[in-house]
Protein backbone atom coordinates (compact mmCIF):
# COMPACT_ATOMS: atom_id res chain seq x y z
CA MET A 1 0.00 0.00 0.00
CA GLY A 2 3.01 2.29 0.09
CA ALA A 3 3.25 2.68 -3.70
CA THR A 4 2.44 6.13 -5.03
CA ASN A 5 2.23 7.63 -8.47
CA ASP A 6 5.23 9.92 -8.85
CA SER A 7 4.75 10.74 -12.53
CA THR A 8 4.50 14.39 -13.49
CA PHE A 9 4.01 16.32 -16.68
CA SER A 10 4.12 20.01 -17.42
CA HIS A 11 2.06 20.15 -20.60
CA PHE A 12 0.23 18.11 -23.18
CA ILE A 13 0.15 18.34 -26.94
CA LEU A 14 -3.20 18.79 -28.64
CA ILE A 15 -2.96 17.11 -32.02
CA GLY A 16 -5.59 18.06 -34.55
CA PHE A 17 -6.01 18.07 -38.29
CA SER A 18 -3.50 20.84 -38.89
CA ASP A 19 -2.41 19.37 -42.20
CA ARG A 20 -6.02 19.36 -43.47
CA PRO A 21 -7.74 22.58 -42.40
CA GLU A 22 -10.73 21.94 -44.69
CA LEU A 23 -11.44 18.77 -42.73
CA GLU A 24 -11.60 20.77 -39.50
CA ARG A 25 -14.39 22.93 -40.90
CA VAL A 26 -16.36 19.96 -42.22
CA LEU A 27 -16.11 18.09 -38.93
CA PHE A 28 -17.04 21.21 -36.99
CA ALA A 29 -20.09 21.72 -39.21
CA ILE A 30 -21.16 18.12 -38.56
CA ILE A 31 -20.35 17.84 -34.86
CA LEU A 32 -21.73 21.21 -33.68
CA PRO A 33 -25.35 20.56 -34.78
CA ALA A 34 -25.18 17.03 -33.39
CA TYR A 35 -23.92 18.40 -30.07
CA LEU A 36 -26.61 21.09 -29.97
CA LEU A 37 -29.32 18.53 -30.75
CA THR A 38 -28.01 16.35 -27.94
CA LEU A 39 -28.16 19.28 -25.53
CA LEU A 40 -31.67 20.11 -26.67
CA GLY A 41 -32.79 16.50 -26.30
CA ASN A 42 -31.29 16.19 -22.84
CA SER A 43 -32.85 19.44 -21.70
CA THR A 44 -36.33 18.18 -22.58
CA ILE A 45 -36.02 15.16 -20.32
């Protein structure tokens, strides 16, 4: 029981679709309405 987690990190790297910026816009246009519909559906419960 004496074991502890001594790992540390100072930052993380957010990896996106930087080499395909047009894909970012398409995914955003698809995911945002789906997310908003999910919020709307959950708020009606």
